[in-house]
PDB file of N, CA and C in Angstrom:
ATOM      1  N   ARG A   1      67.433   2.028  25.737  1.00  0.00           N
ATOM      2  CA  ARG A   1      67.242   0.884  24.858  1.00  0.00           C
ATOM      3  C   ARG A   1      66.145   0.004  25.431  1.00  0.00           C
ATOM      4  N   ASP A   2      65.173  -0.306  24.611  1.00  0.00           N
ATOM      5  CA  ASP A   2      64.075  -1.171  25.018  1.00  0.00           C
ATOM      6  C   ASP A   2      64.591  -2.598  25.147  1.00  0.00           C
ATOM      7  N   ALA A   3      64.337  -3.223  26.297  1.00  0.00           N
ATOM      8  CA  ALA A   3      64.852  -4.559  26.563  1.00  0.00           C
ATOM      9  C   ALA A   3      64.269  -5.608  25.625  1.00  0.00           C
ATOM     10  N   GLU A   4      63.054  -5.406  25.168  1.00  0.00           N
ATOM     11  CA  GLU A   4      62.403  -6.409  24.319  1.00  0.00           C
ATOM     12  C   GLU A   4      62.678  -6.199  22.834  1.00  0.00           C
ATOM     13  N   THR A   5      62.665  -4.957  22.407  1.00  0.00           N
ATOM     14  CA  THR A   5      62.809  -4.695  20.969  1.00  0.00           C
ATOM     15  C   THR A   5      64.202  -4.213  20.587  1.00  0.00           C
ATOM     16  N   GLY A   6      64.974  -3.738  21.560  1.00  0.00           N
ATOM     17  CA  GLY A   6      66.292  -3.192  21.273  1.00  0.00           C
ATOM     18  C   GLY A   6      66.242  -1.779  20.716  1.00  0.00           C
ATOM     19  N   GLU A   7      65.037  -1.234  20.599  1.00  0.00           N
ATOM     20  CA  GLU A   7      64.863   0.108  20.046  1.00  0.00           C
ATOM     21  C   GLU A   7      65.443   1.149  21.001  1.00  0.00           C
ATOM     22  N   GLU A   8      66.136   2.127  20.413  1.00  0.00           N
ATOM     23  CA  GLU A   8      66.658   3.246  21.192  1.00  0.00           C
ATOM     24  C   GLU A   8      65.816   4.477  20.915  1.00  0.00           C
ATOM     25  N   VAL A   9      65.536   5.222  21.972  1.00  0.00           N
ATOM     26  CA  VAL A   9      64.780   6.461  21.837  1.00  0.00           C
ATOM     27  C   VAL A   9      65.548   7.545  22.577  1.00  0.00           C
ATOM     28  N   TRP A  10      65.783   8.638  21.915  1.00  0.00           N
ATOM     29  CA  TRP A  10      66.467   9.766  22.534  1.00  0.00           C
ATOM     30  C   TRP A  10      65.427  10.811  22.915  1.00  0.00           C
ATOM     31  N   VAL A  11      65.579  11.367  24.115  1.00  0.00           N
ATOM     32  CA  VAL A  11      64.678  12.425  24.563  1.00  0.00           C
ATOM     33  C   VAL A  11      65.501  13.595  25.079  1.00  0.00           C
ATOM     34  N   ASN A  12      64.960  14.771  24.926  1.00  0.00           N
ATOM     35  CA  ASN A  12      65.603  15.972  25.432  1.00  0.00           C
ATOM     36  C   ASN A  12      65.096  16.205  26.849  1.00  0.00           C
ATOM     37  N   THR A  13      65.897  15.835  27.842  1.00  0.00           N
ATOM     38  CA  THR A  13      65.473  15.966  29.235  1.00  0.00           C
ATOM     39  C   THR A  13      65.473  17.415  29.710  1.00  0.00           C
ATOM     40  N   LEU A  14      65.955  18.318  28.885  1.00  0.00           N
ATOM     41  CA  LEU A  14      65.884  19.741  29.227  1.00  0.00           C
ATOM     42  C   LEU A  14      64.564  20.363  28.780  1.00  0.00           C
ATOM     43  N   ASP A  15      63.801  19.622  28.002  1.00  0.00           N
ATOM     44  CA  ASP A  15      62.502  20.088  27.520  1.00  0.00           C
ATOM     45  C   ASP A  15      61.501  20.035  28.674  1.00  0.00           C
ATOM     46  N   ARG A  16      61.066  21.190  29.123  1.00  0.00           N
ATOM     47  CA  ARG A  16      60.160  21.255  30.286  1.00  0.00           C
ATOM     48  C   ARG A  16      58.833  20.545  30.035  1.00  0.00           C
ATOM     49  N   LYS A  17      58.335  20.624  28.828  1.00  0.00           N
ATOM     50  CA  LYS A  17      57.073  19.951  28.507  1.00  0.00           C
ATOM     51  C   LYS A  17      57.245  18.437  28.645  1.00  0.00           C
ATOM     52  N   PHE A  18      58.354  17.915  28.128  1.00  0.00           N
ATOM     53  CA  PHE A  18      58.610  16.479  28.241  1.00  0.00           C
ATOM     54  C   PHE A  18      58.734  16.059  29.701  1.00  0.00           C
ATOM     55  N   THR A  19      59.524  16.788  30.484  1.00  0.00           N
ATOM     56  CA  THR A  19      59.729  16.392  31.881  1.00  0.00           C
ATOM     57  C   THR A  19      58.428  16.476  32.671  1.00  0.00           C
ATOM     58  N   LYS A  20      57.589  17.458  32.368  1.00  0.00           N
ATOM     59  CA  LYS A  20      56.296  17.567  33.049  1.00  0.00           C
ATOM     60  C   LYS A  20      55.407  16.378  32.700  1.00  0.00           C
ATOM     61  N   LEU A  21      55.308  16.068  31.418  1.00  0.00           N
ATOM     62  CA  LEU A  21      54.476  14.942  30.985  1.00  0.00           C
ATOM     63  C   LEU A  21      54.998  13.621  31.545  1.00  0.00           C
ATOM     64  N   TYR A  22      56.308  13.453  31.554  1.00  0.00           N
ATOM     65  CA  TYR A  22      56.881  12.211  32.066  1.00  0.00           C
ATOM     66  C   TYR A  22      56.640  12.092  33.567  1.00  0.00           C
ATOM     67  N   SER A  23      56.791  13.193  34.299  1.00  0.00           N
ATOM     68  CA  SER A  23      56.523  13.178  35.739  1.00  0.00           C
ATOM     69  C   SER A  23      55.074  12.799  36.016  1.00  0.00           C
ATOM     70  N   GLU A  24      54.157  13.359  35.248  1.00  0.00           N
ATOM     71  CA  GLU A  24      52.738  13.023  35.408  1.00  0.00           C
ATOM     72  C   GLU A  24      52.490  11.545  35.118  1.00  0.00           C
ATOM     73  N   TYR A  25      53.153  11.020  34.102  1.00  0.00           N
ATOM     74  CA  TYR A  25      53.019   9.609  33.742  1.00  0.00           C
ATOM     75  C   TYR A  25      53.514   8.710  34.877  1.00  0.00           C
ATOM     76  N   VAL A  26      54.661   9.049  35.446  1.00  0.00           N
ATOM     77  CA  VAL A  26      55.229   8.242  36.533  1.00  0.00           C
ATOM     78  C   VAL A  26      54.310   8.270  37.750  1.00  0.00           C
ATOM     79  N   ILE A  27      53.804   9.433  38.107  1.00  0.00           N
ATOM     80  CA  ILE A  27      52.898   9.553  39.253  1.00  0.00           C
ATOM     81  C   ILE A  27      51.626   8.746  39.009  1.00  0.00           C
ATOM     82  N   GLU A  28      51.098   8.816  37.795  1.00  0.00           N
ATOM     83  CA  GLU A  28      49.891   8.055  37.449  1.00  0.00           C
ATOM     84  C   GLU A  28      50.139   6.545  37.585  1.00  0.00           C
ATOM     85  N   ARG A  29      51.289   6.085  37.111  1.00  0.00           N
ATOM     86  CA  ARG A  29      51.623   4.648  37.233  1.00  0.00           C
ATOM     87  C   ARG A  29      51.773   4.237  38.688  1.00  0.00           C
ATOM     88  N   GLN A  30      52.439   5.086  39.486  1.00  0.00           N
ATOM     89  CA  GLN A  30      52.596   4.791  40.914  1.00  0.00           C
ATOM     90  C   GLN A  30      51.240   4.683  41.589  1.00  0.00           C
ATOM     91  N   ASN A  31      50.376   5.644  41.332  1.00  0.00           N
ATOM     92  CA  ASN A  31      49.052   5.642  41.950  1.00  0.00           C
ATOM     93  C   ASN A  31      48.249   4.411  41.548  1.00  0.00           C
ATOM     94  N   LYS A  32      48.349   4.014  40.282  1.00  0.00           N
ATOM     95  CA  LYS A  32      47.646   2.818  39.813  1.00  0.00           C
ATOM     96  C   LYS A  32      48.186   1.577  40.532  1.00  0.00           C
ATOM     97  N   PHE A  33      49.499   1.491  40.670  1.00  0.00           N
ATOM     98  CA  PHE A  33      50.118   0.355  41.356  1.00  0.00           C
ATOM     99  C   PHE A  33      49.660   0.284  42.810  1.00  0.00           C
ATOM    100  N   ILE A  34      49.667   1.425  43.496  1.00  0.00           N
ATOM    101  CA  ILE A  34      49.248   1.472  44.900  1.00  0.00           C
ATOM    102  C   ILE A  34      47.788   1.055  45.026  1.00  0.00           C
ATOM    103  N   LYS A  35      46.939   1.561  44.135  1.00  0.00           N
ATOM    104  CA  LYS A  35      45.513   1.211  44.166  1.00  0.00           C
ATOM    105  C   LYS A  35      45.315  -0.289  43.967  1.00  0.00           C
ATOM    106  N   GLU A  36      46.023  -0.871  43.008  1.00  0.00           N
ATOM    107  CA  GLU A  36      45.901  -2.305  42.749  1.00  0.00           C
ATOM    108  C   GLU A  36      46.444  -3.130  43.914  1.00  0.00           C
ATOM    109  N   ALA A  37      47.535  -2.694  44.509  1.00  0.00           N
ATOM    110  CA  ALA A  37      48.110  -3.412  45.652  1.00  0.00           C
ATOM    111  C   ALA A  37      47.148  -3.387  46.833  1.00  0.00           C
ATOM    112  N   ARG A  38      46.538  -2.239  47.081  1.00  0.00           N
ATOM    113  CA  ARG A  38      45.569  -2.135  48.181  1.00  0.00           C
ATOM    114  C   ARG A  38      44.353  -3.016  47.922  1.00  0.00           C
ATOM    115  N   ALA A  39      43.917  -3.094  46.665  1.00  0.00           N
ATOM    116  CA  ALA A  39      42.773  -3.938  46.321  1.00  0.00           C
ATOM    117  C   ALA A  39      43.069  -5.407  46.596  1.00  0.00           C
ATOM    118  N   MET A  40      44.351  -5.770  46.552  1.00  0.00           N
ATOM    119  CA  MET A  40      44.758  -7.152  46.827  1.00  0.00           C
ATOM    120  C   MET A  40      45.223  -7.336  48.272  1.00  0.00           C
ATOM    121  N   ASN A  41      45.000  -6.299  49.098  1.00  0.00           N
ATOM    122  CA  ASN A  41      45.413  -6.318  50.509  1.00  0.00           C
ATOM    123  C   ASN A  41      46.905  -6.571  50.692  1.00  0.00           C
ATOM    124  N   LEU A  42      47.711  -5.989  49.815  1.00  0.00           N
ATOM    125  CA  LEU A  42      49.160  -6.105  49.940  1.00  0.00           C
ATOM    126  C   LEU A  42      49.693  -4.947  50.764  1.00  0.00           C
ATOM    127  N   ASP A  43      50.676  -5.224  51.597  1.00  0.00           N
ATOM    128  CA  ASP A  43      51.346  -4.175  52.349  1.00  0.00           C
ATOM    129  C   ASP A  43      52.485  -3.622  51.495  1.00  0.00           C
ATOM    130  N   LEU A  44      52.626  -2.312  51.495  1.00  0.00           N
ATOM    131  CA  LEU A  44      53.678  -1.660  50.733  1.00  0.00           C
ATOM    132  C   LEU A  44      54.592  -0.890  51.668  1.00  0.00           C
ATOM    133  N   VAL A  45      55.846  -0.847  51.318  1.00  0.00           N
ATOM    134  CA  VAL A  45      56.794  -0.004  52.036  1.00  0.00           C
ATOM    135  C   VAL A  45      57.534   0.816  50.981  1.00  0.00           C
ATOM    136  N   GLN A  46      57.579   2.130  51.205  1.00  0.00           N
ATOM    137  CA  GLN A  46      58.238   3.009  50.247  1.00  0.00           C
ATOM    138  C   GLN A  46      59.665   3.248  50.698  1.00  0.00           C
ATOM    139  N   ILE A  47      60.602   2.962  49.806  1.00  0.00           N
ATOM    140  CA  ILE A  47      62.019   3.140  50.105  1.00  0.00           C
ATOM    141  C   ILE A  47      62.605   4.066  49.052  1.00  0.00           C
ATOM    142  N   ASP A  48      63.236   5.131  49.517  1.00  0.00           N
ATOM    143  CA  ASP A  48      63.874   6.106  48.641  1.00  0.00           C
ATOM    144  C   ASP A  48      65.302   5.633  48.370  1.00  0.00           C
ATOM    145  N   ALA A  49      65.649   5.462  47.104  1.00  0.00           N
ATOM    146  CA  ALA A  49      66.972   4.948  46.737  1.00  0.00           C
ATOM    147  C   ALA A  49      68.101   5.864  47.201  1.00  0.00           C
ATOM    148  N   GLY A  50      67.805   7.123  47.453  1.00  0.00           N
ATOM    149  CA  GLY A  50      68.830   8.068  47.868  1.00  0.00           C
ATOM    150  C   GLY A  50      69.000   8.177  49.367  1.00  0.00           C
ATOM    151  N   LYS A  51      68.225   7.399  50.117  1.00  0.00           N
ATOM    152  CA  LYS A  51      68.278   7.462  51.578  1.00  0.00           C
ATOM    153  C   LYS A  51      68.448   6.065  52.148  1.00  0.00           C
ATOM    154  N   SER A  52      68.667   6.006  53.450  1.00  0.00           N
ATOM    155  CA  SER A  52      68.799   4.715  54.122  1.00  0.00           C
ATOM    156  C   SER A  52      67.463   3.972  54.089  1.00  0.00           C
ATOM    157  N   TYR A  53      67.531   2.678  53.883  1.00  0.00           N
ATOM    158  CA  TYR A  53      66.329   1.843  53.857  1.00  0.00           C
ATOM    159  C   TYR A  53      65.961   1.321  55.238  1.00  0.00           C
ATOM    160  N   VAL A  54      66.835   1.524  56.224  1.00  0.00           N
ATOM    161  CA  VAL A  54      66.645   0.925  57.543  1.00  0.00           C
ATOM    162  C   VAL A  54      65.380   1.448  58.221  1.00  0.00           C
ATOM    163  N   GLU A  55      65.236   2.753  58.338  1.00  0.00           N
ATOM    164  CA  GLU A  55      64.090   3.324  59.057  1.00  0.00           C
ATOM    165  C   GLU A  55      62.745   2.929  58.436  1.00  0.00           C
ATOM    166  N   PRO A  56      62.571   3.049  57.112  1.00  0.00           N
ATOM    167  CA  PRO A  56      61.279   2.625  56.547  1.00  0.00           C
ATOM    168  C   PRO A  56      60.980   1.147  56.788  1.00  0.00           C
ATOM    169  N   LEU A  57      61.993   0.296  56.723  1.00  0.00           N
ATOM    170  CA  LEU A  57      61.757  -1.131  56.955  1.00  0.00           C
ATOM    171  C   LEU A  57      61.428  -1.419  58.414  1.00  0.00           C
ATOM    172  N   VAL A  58      62.116  -0.751  59.336  1.00  0.00           N
ATOM    173  CA  VAL A  58      61.824  -0.947  60.763  1.00  0.00           C
ATOM    174  C   VAL A  58      60.388  -0.522  61.050  1.00  0.00           C
ATOM    175  N   LYS A  59      59.977   0.638  60.546  1.00  0.00           N
ATOM    176  CA  LYS A  59      58.596   1.099  60.743  1.00  0.00           C
ATOM    177  C   LYS A  59      57.599   0.109  60.151  1.00  0.00           C
ATOM    178  N   PHE A  60      57.901  -0.387  58.970  1.00  0.00           N
ATOM    179  CA  PHE A  60      57.020  -1.331  58.284  1.00  0.00           C
ATOM    180  C   PHE A  60      56.829  -2.600  59.112  1.00  0.00           C
ATOM    181  N   PHE A  61      57.924  -3.175  59.594  1.00  0.00           N
ATOM    182  CA  PHE A  61      57.806  -4.427  60.342  1.00  0.00           C
ATOM    183  C   PHE A  61      57.195  -4.217  61.726  1.00  0.00           C
ATOM    184  N   LYS A  62      57.406  -3.054  62.332  1.00  0.00           N
ATOM    185  CA  LYS A  62      56.728  -2.756  63.602  1.00  0.00           C
ATOM    186  C   LYS A  62      55.223  -2.641  63.379  1.00  0.00           C
ATOM    187  N   MET A  63      54.826  -2.004  62.290  1.00  0.00           N
ATOM    188  CA  MET A  63      53.405  -1.880  61.962  1.00  0.00           C
ATOM    189  C   MET A  63      52.788  -3.262  61.763  1.00  0.00           C
ATOM    190  N   ARG A  64      53.487  -4.116  61.045  1.00  0.00           N
ATOM    191  CA  ARG A  64      52.974  -5.473  60.809  1.00  0.00           C
ATOM    192  C   ARG A  64      52.912  -6.269  62.110  1.00  0.00           C
ATOM    193  N   GLU A  65      53.898  -6.067  62.962  1.00  0.00           N
ATOM    194  CA  GLU A  65      53.912  -6.772  64.250  1.00  0.00           C
ATOM    195  C   GLU A  65      52.691  -6.381  65.080  1.00  0.00           C
ATOM    196  N   ARG A  66      52.393  -5.078  65.136  1.00  0.00           N
ATOM    197  CA  ARG A  66      51.221  -4.612  65.887  1.00  0.00           C
ATOM    198  C   ARG A  66      49.935  -5.167  65.282  1.00  0.00           C
ATOM    199  N   ARG A  67      49.877  -5.205  63.975  1.00  0.00           N
ATOM    200  CA  ARG A  67      48.668  -5.660  63.300  1.00  0.00           C
ATOM    201  C   ARG A  67      48.397  -7.148  63.538  1.00  0.00           C
ATOM    202  N   PHE A  68      49.422  -7.949  63.601  1.00  0.00           N
ATOM    203  CA  PHE A  68      49.233  -9.398  63.677  1.00  0.00           C
ATOM    204  C   PHE A  68      49.358  -9.965  65.085  1.00  0.00           C
ATOM    205  N   ARG A  69      49.329  -9.110  66.090  1.00  0.00           N
ATOM    206  CA  ARG A  69      49.366  -9.600  67.479  1.00  0.00           C
ATOM    207  C   ARG A  69      48.032 -10.127  67.879  1.00  0.00           C
TER     208      ARG A  69
END
């Protein structure tokens, strides 16, 4: 359900063509976001929702600590 319009759209997630196109779309959006963040000199940390967030955050803050010493 679209949060703004309330429109519902049903998709067949078993359709290989759809899943391929959607995967490509998501990767393209991620890459655009990363490119824009880098252009603004923003630091990014990637956290996988299916894994612990502790290790990526510790690495991120250690990297920042080294950079700003």
